[in-house]
Amino acid sequence: MKTYAERLQAAVQAKGTPALVGLDPRWEQLPTEIVERARSAATTESEVVARAYEEFCRRIIDIVAGRVPAVKPQAAFFEACGPEGAFALARVIRHARDAGLIVICDAKRGDIGSTAEAYASAYLAGDDPDAAPWAADALTINPYLGVDTLEPFVRTATARGAGLYVLVRTSNPGAGRFQDLTADGQTVYHHVATAMEELAAESAGEGQYGAVGAVVGATYPSELEELRQVMPHVPLLIPGYGSQGGTSADTAAAFDEDGHGALINSSRGIIFAYRREPYAEAFGESQWEAAVDAATRDMIADLAANTPAAALVANK
């Protein structure tokens, strides 16, 4: 069984990019043709929305699977649809796995003891998609209940060849109110980062990166550079690129010299590209899939031009 870090590195190298496409379906922004088809095929409102989300995400997966190594479905949008949404999420994850993509389920779970074990068992399939109901390769988790609450996740991830991405320095504007607080001469996020490095180093074995990753926003480039130094064994997931204002250059410090060590996420900027320029004028809603493909290609080129990810292209 290969570790998550090994599988991720192989996928990134094969595609020649660290671009990660976030699957955040939003009802009011879906293409009209998908909404109309869902309304004609379902009865209750929750069924309609779940069906639309599933078709939309499956079609995006089909577009990007040949270009990027990974996708990140956001569980909350599916959960808002109730049971139908839960089934849709499971099918979307399976579709992505079948397409050869690494799947990071963005559910931000976190709890104590046996509850944490249950969350880990439910989501973390790792190397074998049949090992967990939601079949994800990796899961986002919240560390703020304490390191002991992460240990059940780490055990399951290590046993199944899965990965974790722990919230360390998030990209939202209000993050600093808690994360920037100082204790024992260091910020809270720095303390969390130090603990994540210890966990990642333990699971790294002979490889450079471990099973425990960290979420660090592109909207704080100086802190990203600091945290990469604190966490040399930690694979990073970088939100905030594109729609939230982060640039490719802001993410450069996340990578090692070979272009590995980080995934850069774009959600709205890719999946709803047809609603913004220059893609709105070039494609419009009738060609929304072409807009997704063009935006994905542009992101890949942007990262290659302004980060060490250029080495991935050279070594592909």
C-alpha atoms as a PDB file:
ATOM      1  CA  MET A   1       0.000   0.000   0.000  1.00  0.00           C
ATOM      2  CA  LYS A   2       1.308   3.423  -0.952  1.00  0.00           C
ATOM      3  CA  THR A   3       1.080   6.314   1.471  1.00  0.00           C
ATOM      4  CA  TYR A   4      -1.075   9.337   0.738  1.00  0.00           C
ATOM      5  CA  ALA A   5       2.023  11.481   0.221  1.00  0.00           C
ATOM      6  CA  GLU A   6       3.398   9.012  -2.319  1.00  0.00           C
ATOM      7  CA  ARG A   7       0.127   8.825  -4.217  1.00  0.00           C
ATOM      8  CA  LEU A   8      -0.337  12.583  -4.158  1.00  0.00           C
ATOM      9  CA  GLN A   9       3.190  13.255  -5.361  1.00  0.00           C
ATOM     10  CA  ALA A  10       2.769  10.772  -8.198  1.00  0.00           C
ATOM     11  CA  ALA A  11      -0.520  12.377  -9.253  1.00  0.00           C
ATOM     12  CA  VAL A  12       0.920  15.890  -9.153  1.00  0.00           C
ATOM     13  CA  GLN A  13       3.944  14.792 -11.157  1.00  0.00           C
ATOM     14  CA  ALA A  14       1.827  12.961 -13.730  1.00  0.00           C
ATOM     15  CA  LYS A  15      -0.359  16.020 -14.368  1.00  0.00           C
ATOM     16  CA  GLY A  16       2.538  18.466 -14.095  1.00  0.00           C
ATOM     17  CA  THR A  17       0.637  20.841 -11.823  1.00  0.00           C
ATOM     18  CA  PRO A  18      -0.411  21.371  -8.187  1.00  0.00           C
ATOM     19  CA  ALA A  19      -3.777  22.842  -9.236  1.00  0.00           C
ATOM     20  CA  LEU A  20      -6.727  21.641  -7.142  1.00  0.00           C
ATOM     21  CA  VAL A  21     -10.311  22.209  -8.277  1.00  0.00           C
ATOM     22  CA  GLY A  22     -12.802  22.839  -5.507  1.00  0.00           C
ATOM     23  CA  LEU A  23     -16.308  21.473  -6.076  1.00  0.00           C
ATOM     24  CA  ASP A  24     -18.487  24.061  -4.328  1.00  0.00           C
ATOM     25  CA  PRO A  25     -21.841  23.926  -6.146  1.00  0.00           C
ATOM     26  CA  ARG A  26     -24.057  26.950  -5.503  1.00  0.00           C
ATOM     27  CA  TRP A  27     -27.669  26.750  -6.620  1.00  0.00           C
ATOM     28  CA  GLU A  28     -28.023  30.341  -7.772  1.00  0.00           C
ATOM     29  CA  GLN A  29     -24.949  30.105 -10.018  1.00  0.00           C
ATOM     30  CA  LEU A  30     -25.644  26.794 -11.766  1.00  0.00           C
ATOM     31  CA  PRO A  31     -26.155  26.736 -15.540  1.00  0.00           C
ATOM     32  CA  THR A  32     -29.826  26.922 -16.470  1.00  0.00           C
ATOM     33  CA  GLU A  33     -29.775  23.658 -18.433  1.00  0.00           C
ATOM     34  CA  ILE A  34     -28.692  21.700 -15.339  1.00  0.00           C
ATOM     35  CA  VAL A  35     -31.351  23.320 -13.157  1.00  0.00           C
ATOM     36  CA  GLU A  36     -34.091  22.629 -15.689  1.00  0.00           C
ATOM     37  CA  ARG A  37     -33.064  18.995 -16.132  1.00  0.00           C
ATOM     38  CA  ALA A  38     -33.032  18.457 -12.360  1.00  0.00           C
ATOM     39  CA  ARG A  39     -36.490  20.011 -11.991  1.00  0.00           C
ATOM     40  CA  SER A  40     -37.896  17.686 -14.646  1.00  0.00           C
ATOM     41  CA  ALA A  41     -36.438  14.576 -13.000  1.00  0.00           C
ATOM     42  CA  ALA A  42     -37.151  15.107  -9.280  1.00  0.00           C
ATOM     43  CA  THR A  43     -40.094  16.086  -7.102  1.00  0.00           C
ATOM     44  CA  THR A  44     -39.011  17.647  -3.787  1.00  0.00           C
ATOM     45  CA  GLU A  45     -36.824  20.738  -3.704  1.00  0.00           C
ATOM     46  CA  SER A  46     -34.014  18.938  -1.891  1.00  0.00           C
ATOM     47  CA  GLU A  47     -34.005  16.184  -4.513  1.00  0.00           C
ATOM     48  CA  VAL A  48     -33.889  18.756  -7.294  1.00  0.00           C
ATOM     49  CA  VAL A  49     -30.919  20.568  -5.795  1.00  0.00           C
ATOM     50  CA  ALA A  50     -29.027  17.372  -4.970  1.00  0.00           C
ATOM     51  CA  ARG A  51     -29.551  16.022  -8.476  1.00  0.00           C
ATOM     52  CA  ALA A  52     -28.346  19.308  -9.997  1.00  0.00           C
ATOM     53  CA  TYR A  53     -25.271  19.422  -7.775  1.00  0.00           C
ATOM     54  CA  GLU A  54     -24.367  15.869  -8.657  1.00  0.00           C
ATOM     55  CA  GLU A  55     -24.655  16.349 -12.412  1.00  0.00           C
ATOM     56  CA  PHE A  56     -22.773  19.651 -12.283  1.00  0.00           C
ATOM     57  CA  CYS A  57     -19.888  18.217 -10.265  1.00  0.00           C
ATOM     58  CA  ARG A  58     -19.671  15.022 -12.300  1.00  0.00           C
ATOM     59  CA  ARG A  59     -19.422  17.046 -15.510  1.00  0.00           C
ATOM     60  CA  ILE A  60     -16.719  19.259 -14.020  1.00  0.00           C
ATOM     61  CA  ILE A  61     -14.791  16.153 -12.974  1.00  0.00           C
ATOM     62  CA  ASP A  62     -14.997  14.883 -16.555  1.00  0.00           C
ATOM     63  CA  ILE A  63     -13.570  18.181 -17.808  1.00  0.00           C
ATOM     64  CA  VAL A  64     -10.667  18.571 -15.369  1.00  0.00           C
ATOM     65  CA  ALA A  65      -9.654  14.942 -14.754  1.00  0.00           C
ATOM     66  CA  GLY A  66      -7.111  14.995 -17.551  1.00  0.00           C
ATOM     67  CA  ARG A  67      -5.529  18.249 -16.366  1.00  0.00           C
ATOM     68  CA  VAL A  68      -5.331  18.321 -12.559  1.00  0.00           C
ATOM     69  CA  PRO A  69      -4.337  15.778  -9.899  1.00  0.00           C
ATOM     70  CA  ALA A  70      -7.111  16.368  -7.374  1.00  0.00           C
ATOM     71  CA  VAL A  71     -10.544  17.764  -6.590  1.00  0.00           C
ATOM     72  CA  LYS A  72     -12.024  18.981  -3.302  1.00  0.00           C
ATOM     73  CA  PRO A  73     -15.791  18.552  -2.875  1.00  0.00           C
ATOM     74  CA  GLN A  74     -17.229  20.780  -0.157  1.00  0.00           C
ATOM     75  CA  ALA A  75     -19.499  18.556   1.927  1.00  0.00           C
ATOM     76  CA  ALA A  76     -21.631  21.398   3.317  1.00  0.00           C
ATOM     77  CA  PHE A  77     -23.344  22.191   0.026  1.00  0.00           C
ATOM     78  CA  PHE A  78     -24.416  18.578  -0.342  1.00  0.00           C
ATOM     79  CA  GLU A  79     -25.417  18.192   3.316  1.00  0.00           C
ATOM     80  CA  ALA A  80     -27.730  21.189   2.941  1.00  0.00           C
ATOM     81  CA  CYS A  81     -29.836  18.986   0.647  1.00  0.00           C
ATOM     82  CA  GLY A  82     -30.415  16.397   3.358  1.00  0.00           C
ATOM     83  CA  PRO A  83     -30.198  12.643   2.724  1.00  0.00           C
ATOM     84  CA  GLU A  84     -30.363  13.097  -1.049  1.00  0.00           C
ATOM     85  CA  GLY A  85     -27.348  15.371  -0.840  1.00  0.00           C
ATOM     86  CA  ALA A  86     -25.385  12.840   1.201  1.00  0.00           C
ATOM     87  CA  PHE A  87     -25.936  10.191  -1.466  1.00  0.00           C
ATOM     88  CA  ALA A  88     -25.004  12.698  -4.167  1.00  0.00           C
ATOM     89  CA  LEU A  89     -21.747  13.539  -2.386  1.00  0.00           C
ATOM     90  CA  ALA A  90     -20.844   9.856  -2.139  1.00  0.00           C
ATOM     91  CA  ARG A  91     -21.486   9.369  -5.851  1.00  0.00           C
ATOM     92  CA  VAL A  92     -19.498  12.473  -6.796  1.00  0.00           C
ATOM     93  CA  ILE A  93     -16.515  11.249  -4.774  1.00  0.00           C
ATOM     94  CA  ARG A  94     -16.733   7.823  -6.400  1.00  0.00           C
ATOM     95  CA  HIS A  95     -16.925   9.388  -9.853  1.00  0.00           C
ATOM     96  CA  ALA A  96     -13.782  11.391  -9.147  1.00  0.00           C
ATOM     97  CA  ARG A  97     -11.960   8.334  -7.805  1.00  0.00           C
ATOM     98  CA  ASP A  98     -12.996   6.358 -10.889  1.00  0.00           C
ATOM     99  CA  ALA A  99     -11.557   9.179 -13.014  1.00  0.00           C
ATOM    100  CA  GLY A 100      -8.187   8.702 -11.313  1.00  0.00           C
ATOM    101  CA  LEU A 101      -8.313  11.861  -9.204  1.00  0.00           C
ATOM    102  CA  ILE A 102      -7.194  12.357  -5.623  1.00  0.00           C
ATOM    103  CA  VAL A 103     -10.275  13.401  -3.621  1.00  0.00           C
ATOM    104  CA  ILE A 104     -10.041  15.667  -0.588  1.00  0.00           C
ATOM    105  CA  CYS A 105     -13.399  15.833   1.160  1.00  0.00           C
ATOM    106  CA  ASP A 106     -13.700  19.289   2.702  1.00  0.00           C
ATOM    107  CA  ALA A 107     -15.853  18.511   5.735  1.00  0.00           C
ATOM    108  CA  LYS A 108     -13.736  20.059   8.525  1.00  0.00           C
ATOM    109  CA  ARG A 109     -14.564  17.341  11.016  1.00  0.00           C
ATOM    110  CA  GLY A 110     -13.210  17.194  14.550  1.00  0.00           C
ATOM    111  CA  ASP A 111     -14.312  15.613  17.811  1.00  0.00           C
ATOM    112  CA  ILE A 112     -13.111  13.548  20.739  1.00  0.00           C
ATOM    113  CA  GLY A 113     -12.374   9.853  21.195  1.00  0.00           C
ATOM    114  CA  SER A 114     -14.732   7.368  19.602  1.00  0.00           C
ATOM    115  CA  THR A 115     -16.583  10.131  17.743  1.00  0.00           C
ATOM    116  CA  ALA A 116     -13.367  11.123  15.980  1.00  0.00           C
ATOM    117  CA  GLU A 117     -12.759   7.478  15.175  1.00  0.00           C
ATOM    118  CA  ALA A 118     -16.221   7.266  13.609  1.00  0.00           C
ATOM    119  CA  TYR A 119     -15.631  10.352  11.464  1.00  0.00           C
ATOM    120  CA  ALA A 120     -12.277   8.980  10.323  1.00  0.00           C
ATOM    121  CA  SER A 121     -13.765   5.592   9.497  1.00  0.00           C
ATOM    122  CA  ALA A 122     -16.598   7.187   7.538  1.00  0.00           C
ATOM    123  CA  TYR A 123     -14.520   9.458   5.307  1.00  0.00           C
ATOM    124  CA  LEU A 124     -10.955   8.172   5.059  1.00  0.00           C
ATOM    125  CA  ALA A 125     -10.804   5.436   2.446  1.00  0.00           C
ATOM    126  CA  GLY A 126      -7.272   6.261   1.367  1.00  0.00           C
ATOM    127  CA  ASP A 127      -5.662   3.821  -1.040  1.00  0.00           C
ATOM    128  CA  ASP A 128      -8.774   1.606  -1.313  1.00  0.00           C
ATOM    129  CA  PRO A 129     -11.998   3.437  -2.260  1.00  0.00           C
ATOM    130  CA  ASP A 130     -14.037   0.620  -0.738  1.00  0.00           C
ATOM    131  CA  ALA A 131     -12.536   1.140   2.726  1.00  0.00           C
ATOM    132  CA  ALA A 132     -14.956   3.949   3.719  1.00  0.00           C
ATOM    133  CA  PRO A 133     -18.518   4.928   2.768  1.00  0.00           C
ATOM    134  CA  TRP A 134     -17.488   8.354   1.482  1.00  0.00           C
ATOM    135  CA  ALA A 135     -14.365   6.941  -0.224  1.00  0.00           C
ATOM    136  CA  ALA A 136     -12.189  10.054   0.118  1.00  0.00           C
ATOM    137  CA  ASP A 137      -8.405  10.033  -0.159  1.00  0.00           C
ATOM    138  CA  ALA A 138      -8.124  12.814   2.407  1.00  0.00           C
ATOM    139  CA  LEU A 139     -10.228  14.893   4.793  1.00  0.00           C
ATOM    140  CA  THR A 140     -10.023  18.390   6.244  1.00  0.00           C
ATOM    141  CA  ILE A 141     -10.177  18.459  10.049  1.00  0.00           C
ATOM    142  CA  ASN A 142     -10.342  21.015  12.851  1.00  0.00           C
ATOM    143  CA  PRO A 143      -7.593  20.867  15.524  1.00  0.00           C
ATOM    144  CA  TYR A 144      -9.008  23.242  18.089  1.00  0.00           C
ATOM    145  CA  LEU A 145     -10.276  20.551  20.466  1.00  0.00           C
ATOM    146  CA  GLY A 146      -6.666  19.472  21.050  1.00  0.00           C
ATOM    147  CA  VAL A 147      -3.999  17.205  19.597  1.00  0.00           C
ATOM    148  CA  ASP A 148      -5.484  14.132  21.273  1.00  0.00           C
ATOM    149  CA  THR A 149      -8.603  14.558  19.127  1.00  0.00           C
ATOM    150  CA  LEU A 150      -6.454  14.300  15.982  1.00  0.00           C
ATOM    151  CA  GLU A 151      -4.864  10.996  16.926  1.00  0.00           C
ATOM    152  CA  PRO A 152      -7.818   8.791  15.818  1.00  0.00           C
ATOM    153  CA  PHE A 153      -7.731  10.505  12.430  1.00  0.00           C
ATOM    154  CA  VAL A 154      -3.968  10.024  12.164  1.00  0.00           C
ATOM    155  CA  ARG A 155      -4.201   6.333  13.034  1.00  0.00           C
ATOM    156  CA  THR A 156      -6.865   5.691  10.409  1.00  0.00           C
ATOM    157  CA  ALA A 157      -5.077   7.772   7.794  1.00  0.00           C
ATOM    158  CA  THR A 158      -1.806   5.938   8.351  1.00  0.00           C
ATOM    159  CA  ALA A 159      -3.467   2.514   8.283  1.00  0.00           C
ATOM    160  CA  ARG A 160      -5.407   3.214   5.075  1.00  0.00           C
ATOM    161  CA  GLY A 161      -2.918   5.317   3.117  1.00  0.00           C
ATOM    162  CA  ALA A 162      -5.122   8.389   3.523  1.00  0.00           C
ATOM    163  CA  GLY A 163      -4.304  12.027   4.223  1.00  0.00           C
ATOM    164  CA  LEU A 164      -5.447  14.803   6.538  1.00  0.00           C
ATOM    165  CA  TYR A 165      -5.448  18.560   6.109  1.00  0.00           C
ATOM    166  CA  VAL A 166      -5.612  20.347   9.447  1.00  0.00           C
ATOM    167  CA  LEU A 167      -6.814  23.949   9.702  1.00  0.00           C
ATOM    168  CA  VAL A 168      -3.748  26.003  10.684  1.00  0.00           C
ATOM    169  CA  ARG A 169      -4.015  29.488   9.136  1.00  0.00           C
ATOM    170  CA  THR A 170      -7.232  29.919   7.221  1.00  0.00           C
ATOM    171  CA  SER A 171      -7.917  32.409   4.436  1.00  0.00           C
ATOM    172  CA  ASN A 172     -11.049  34.102   5.809  1.00  0.00           C
ATOM    173  CA  PRO A 173     -10.746  37.766   6.875  1.00  0.00           C
ATOM    174  CA  GLY A 174     -11.695  37.133  10.513  1.00  0.00           C
ATOM    175  CA  ALA A 175      -9.247  34.283  11.062  1.00  0.00           C
ATOM    176  CA  GLY A 176      -6.778  36.409  12.947  1.00  0.00           C
ATOM    177  CA  ARG A 177      -9.128  37.152  15.846  1.00  0.00           C
ATOM    178  CA  PHE A 178      -8.383  33.713  17.276  1.00  0.00           C
ATOM    179  CA  GLN A 179      -5.468  32.397  15.243  1.00  0.00           C
ATOM    180  CA  ASP A 180      -3.235  35.438  15.812  1.00  0.00           C
ATOM    181  CA  LEU A 181      -3.602  35.401  19.606  1.00  0.00           C
ATOM    182  CA  THR A 182      -0.293  34.963  21.411  1.00  0.00           C
ATOM    183  CA  ALA A 183       0.494  32.312  24.024  1.00  0.00           C
ATOM    184  CA  ASP A 184       3.974  31.571  25.378  1.00  0.00           C
ATOM    185  CA  GLY A 185       5.467  34.029  22.926  1.00  0.00           C
ATOM    186  CA  GLN A 186       3.962  32.444  19.785  1.00  0.00           C
ATOM    187  CA  THR A 187       0.711  32.851  17.871  1.00  0.00           C
ATOM    188  CA  VAL A 188      -1.933  30.168  18.212  1.00  0.00           C
ATOM    189  CA  TYR A 189      -1.502  29.207  14.560  1.00  0.00           C
ATOM    190  CA  HIS A 190       2.248  28.789  15.127  1.00  0.00           C
ATOM    191  CA  HIS A 191       1.578  26.423  18.043  1.00  0.00           C
ATOM    192  CA  VAL A 192      -0.817  24.412  15.866  1.00  0.00           C
ATOM    193  CA  ALA A 193       1.748  24.319  13.058  1.00  0.00           C
ATOM    194  CA  THR A 194       4.439  23.003  15.392  1.00  0.00           C
ATOM    195  CA  ALA A 195       2.164  20.182  16.520  1.00  0.00           C
ATOM    196  CA  MET A 196       1.264  19.320  12.914  1.00  0.00           C
ATOM    197  CA  GLU A 197       4.937  19.105  11.986  1.00  0.00           C
ATOM    198  CA  GLU A 198       5.509  16.619  14.799  1.00  0.00           C
ATOM    199  CA  LEU A 199       2.601  14.456  13.628  1.00  0.00           C
ATOM    200  CA  ALA A 200       3.626  14.679   9.975  1.00  0.00           C
ATOM    201  CA  ALA A 201       7.252  13.827  10.676  1.00  0.00           C
ATOM    202  CA  GLU A 202       6.174  10.708  12.588  1.00  0.00           C
ATOM    203  CA  SER A 203       4.123   9.487   9.612  1.00  0.00           C
ATOM    204  CA  ALA A 204       6.593  10.482   6.888  1.00  0.00           C
ATOM    205  CA  GLY A 205       8.823   7.423   7.162  1.00  0.00           C
ATOM    206  CA  GLU A 206      11.535   7.702   4.540  1.00  0.00           C
ATOM    207  CA  GLY A 207       9.587  10.233   2.479  1.00  0.00           C
ATOM    208  CA  GLN A 208       9.732  14.000   2.695  1.00  0.00           C
ATOM    209  CA  TYR A 209       6.048  14.485   3.491  1.00  0.00           C
ATOM    210  CA  GLY A 210       3.740  12.782   5.972  1.00  0.00           C
ATOM    211  CA  ALA A 211       0.053  11.940   6.099  1.00  0.00           C
ATOM    212  CA  VAL A 212      -0.783  15.068   8.114  1.00  0.00           C
ATOM    213  CA  GLY A 213      -1.161  18.198   6.010  1.00  0.00           C
ATOM    214  CA  ALA A 214      -2.175  21.744   6.816  1.00  0.00           C
ATOM    215  CA  VAL A 215      -4.565  24.329   5.419  1.00  0.00           C
ATOM    216  CA  VAL A 216      -2.807  27.690   5.056  1.00  0.00           C
ATOM    217  CA  GLY A 217      -4.418  30.529   3.102  1.00  0.00           C
ATOM    218  CA  ALA A 218      -2.839  32.218   0.099  1.00  0.00           C
ATOM    219  CA  THR A 219      -4.198  35.502   1.444  1.00  0.00           C
ATOM    220  CA  TYR A 220      -1.370  35.594   4.038  1.00  0.00           C
ATOM    221  CA  PRO A 221       1.817  35.090   1.959  1.00  0.00           C
ATOM    222  CA  SER A 222       4.312  36.173   4.631  1.00  0.00           C
ATOM    223  CA  GLU A 223       2.748  33.813   7.147  1.00  0.00           C
ATOM    224  CA  LEU A 224       2.682  31.065   4.534  1.00  0.00           C
ATOM    225  CA  GLU A 225       6.442  31.439   4.114  1.00  0.00           C
ATOM    226  CA  GLU A 226       6.903  31.335   7.893  1.00  0.00           C
ATOM    227  CA  LEU A 227       4.730  28.244   8.241  1.00  0.00           C
ATOM    228  CA  ARG A 228       6.502  26.350   5.478  1.00  0.00           C
ATOM    229  CA  GLN A 229       9.706  26.743   7.516  1.00  0.00           C
ATOM    230  CA  VAL A 230       7.943  25.492  10.658  1.00  0.00           C
ATOM    231  CA  MET A 231       6.361  22.538   8.805  1.00  0.00           C
ATOM    232  CA  PRO A 232       8.883  21.031   6.345  1.00  0.00           C
ATOM    233  CA  HIS A 233       7.214  17.582   6.416  1.00  0.00           C
ATOM    234  CA  VAL A 234       3.660  18.857   6.056  1.00  0.00           C
ATOM    235  CA  PRO A 235       1.873  18.875   2.678  1.00  0.00           C
ATOM    236  CA  LEU A 236      -0.074  22.105   2.341  1.00  0.00           C
ATOM    237  CA  LEU A 237      -3.522  22.851   1.004  1.00  0.00           C
ATOM    238  CA  ILE A 238      -3.715  26.496  -0.044  1.00  0.00           C
ATOM    239  CA  PRO A 239      -7.158  28.138  -0.376  1.00  0.00           C
ATOM    240  CA  GLY A 240      -7.631  31.796  -1.211  1.00  0.00           C
ATOM    241  CA  TYR A 241      -6.204  31.782  -4.749  1.00  0.00           C
ATOM    242  CA  GLY A 242      -8.239  33.648  -7.343  1.00  0.00           C
ATOM    243  CA  SER A 243     -11.678  34.718  -6.160  1.00  0.00           C
ATOM    244  CA  GLN A 244     -10.484  35.449  -2.598  1.00  0.00           C
ATOM    245  CA  GLY A 245      -7.618  37.642  -3.811  1.00  0.00           C
ATOM    246  CA  GLY A 246      -4.566  35.403  -3.483  1.00  0.00           C
ATOM    247  CA  THR A 247      -2.182  35.259  -6.447  1.00  0.00           C
ATOM    248  CA  SER A 248       0.069  32.493  -7.725  1.00  0.00           C
ATOM    249  CA  ALA A 249       3.121  34.437  -6.526  1.00  0.00           C
ATOM    250  CA  ASP A 250       1.588  34.530  -3.033  1.00  0.00           C
ATOM    251  CA  THR A 251       1.748  30.727  -2.929  1.00  0.00           C
ATOM    252  CA  ALA A 252       5.334  30.289  -4.134  1.00  0.00           C
ATOM    253  CA  ALA A 253       6.817  29.741  -0.662  1.00  0.00           C
ATOM    254  CA  ALA A 254       4.652  26.659  -0.142  1.00  0.00           C
ATOM    255  CA  PHE A 255       6.642  24.526  -2.587  1.00  0.00           C
ATOM    256  CA  ASP A 256       9.908  22.674  -2.481  1.00  0.00           C
ATOM    257  CA  GLU A 257      12.379  23.180  -5.320  1.00  0.00           C
ATOM    258  CA  ASP A 258      10.836  20.317  -7.309  1.00  0.00           C
ATOM    259  CA  GLY A 259       7.380  21.901  -7.275  1.00  0.00           C
ATOM    260  CA  HIS A 260       5.909  19.513  -4.706  1.00  0.00           C
ATOM    261  CA  GLY A 261       4.576  20.076  -1.197  1.00  0.00           C
ATOM    262  CA  ALA A 262       1.373  21.977  -1.887  1.00  0.00           C
ATOM    263  CA  LEU A 263      -1.967  21.968  -3.663  1.00  0.00           C
ATOM    264  CA  ILE A 264      -3.436  25.319  -4.726  1.00  0.00           C
ATOM    265  CA  ASN A 265      -7.220  25.400  -4.638  1.00  0.00           C
ATOM    266  CA  SER A 266      -9.561  27.312  -6.892  1.00  0.00           C
ATOM    267  CA  SER A 267     -13.296  26.732  -6.623  1.00  0.00           C
ATOM    268  CA  ARG A 268     -15.571  29.502  -7.902  1.00  0.00           C
ATOM    269  CA  GLY A 269     -12.905  30.804 -10.260  1.00  0.00           C
ATOM    270  CA  ILE A 270     -12.946  27.492 -12.128  1.00  0.00           C
ATOM    271  CA  ILE A 271     -16.381  25.947 -11.810  1.00  0.00           C
ATOM    272  CA  PHE A 272     -18.297  29.187 -12.430  1.00  0.00           C
ATOM    273  CA  ALA A 273     -15.811  30.665 -14.871  1.00  0.00           C
ATOM    274  CA  TYR A 274     -18.555  31.309 -17.417  1.00  0.00           C
ATOM    275  CA  ARG A 275     -19.960  34.005 -15.106  1.00  0.00           C
ATOM    276  CA  ARG A 276     -16.814  36.167 -15.047  1.00  0.00           C
ATOM    277  CA  GLU A 277     -14.539  37.848 -17.563  1.00  0.00           C
ATOM    278  CA  PRO A 278     -12.820  37.067 -19.815  1.00  0.00           C
ATOM    279  CA  TYR A 279     -14.689  33.765 -19.977  1.00  0.00           C
ATOM    280  CA  ALA A 280     -18.190  35.252 -19.883  1.00  0.00           C
ATOM    281  CA  GLU A 281     -17.648  37.076 -23.152  1.00  0.00           C
ATOM    282  CA  ALA A 282     -15.637  34.306 -24.788  1.00  0.00           C
ATOM    283  CA  PHE A 283     -17.978  31.438 -23.913  1.00  0.00           C
ATOM    284  CA  GLY A 284     -21.120  32.491 -22.074  1.00  0.00           C
ATOM    285  CA  GLU A 285     -23.484  30.118 -20.331  1.00  0.00           C
ATOM    286  CA  SER A 286     -24.101  28.000 -23.432  1.00  0.00           C
ATOM    287  CA  GLN A 287     -20.447  26.936 -23.378  1.00  0.00           C
ATOM    288  CA  TRP A 288     -19.909  26.798 -19.635  1.00  0.00           C
ATOM    289  CA  GLU A 289     -17.908  23.578 -19.866  1.00  0.00           C
ATOM    290  CA  ALA A 290     -15.467  25.170 -22.297  1.00  0.00           C
ATOM    291  CA  ALA A 291     -15.103  28.055 -19.841  1.00  0.00           C
ATOM    292  CA  VAL A 292     -14.240  25.579 -17.045  1.00  0.00           C
ATOM    293  CA  ASP A 293     -11.585  23.990 -19.242  1.00  0.00           C
ATOM    294  CA  ALA A 294     -10.105  27.346 -20.254  1.00  0.00           C
ATOM    295  CA  ALA A 295     -10.002  28.626 -16.674  1.00  0.00           C
ATOM    296  CA  THR A 296      -8.322  25.403 -15.542  1.00  0.00           C
ATOM    297  CA  ARG A 297      -5.673  25.696 -18.250  1.00  0.00           C
ATOM    298  CA  ASP A 298      -5.076  29.333 -17.343  1.00  0.00           C
ATOM    299  CA  MET A 299      -4.632  28.486 -13.661  1.00  0.00           C
ATOM    300  CA  ILE A 300      -2.147  25.734 -14.497  1.00  0.00           C
ATOM    301  CA  ALA A 301      -0.152  28.136 -16.681  1.00  0.00           C
ATOM    302  CA  ASP A 302      -0.268  30.859 -14.012  1.00  0.00           C
ATOM    303  CA  LEU A 303       1.115  28.531 -11.337  1.00  0.00           C
ATOM    304  CA  ALA A 304       3.835  27.289 -13.674  1.00  0.00           C
ATOM    305  CA  ALA A 305       4.857  30.850 -14.513  1.00  0.00           C
ATOM    306  CA  ASN A 306       5.054  32.187 -10.959  1.00  0.00           C
ATOM    307  CA  THR A 307       5.909  29.331  -8.603  1.00  0.00           C
ATOM    308  CA  PRO A 308       8.339  26.397  -8.401  1.00  0.00           C
ATOM    309  CA  ALA A 309       5.580  24.317  -9.982  1.00  0.00           C
ATOM    310  CA  ALA A 310       7.390  25.101 -13.247  1.00  0.00           C
ATOM    311  CA  ALA A 311       9.718  22.225 -12.299  1.00  0.00           C
ATOM    312  CA  LEU A 312       6.809  19.808 -12.574  1.00  0.00           C
ATOM    313  CA  VAL A 313       6.322  20.694 -16.203  1.00  0.00           C
ATOM    314  CA  ALA A 314      10.023  20.343 -16.929  1.00  0.00           C
ATOM    315  CA  ASN A 315      10.136  16.896 -15.293  1.00  0.00           C
ATOM    316  CA  LYS A 316       6.783  15.617 -16.545  1.00  0.00           C
END
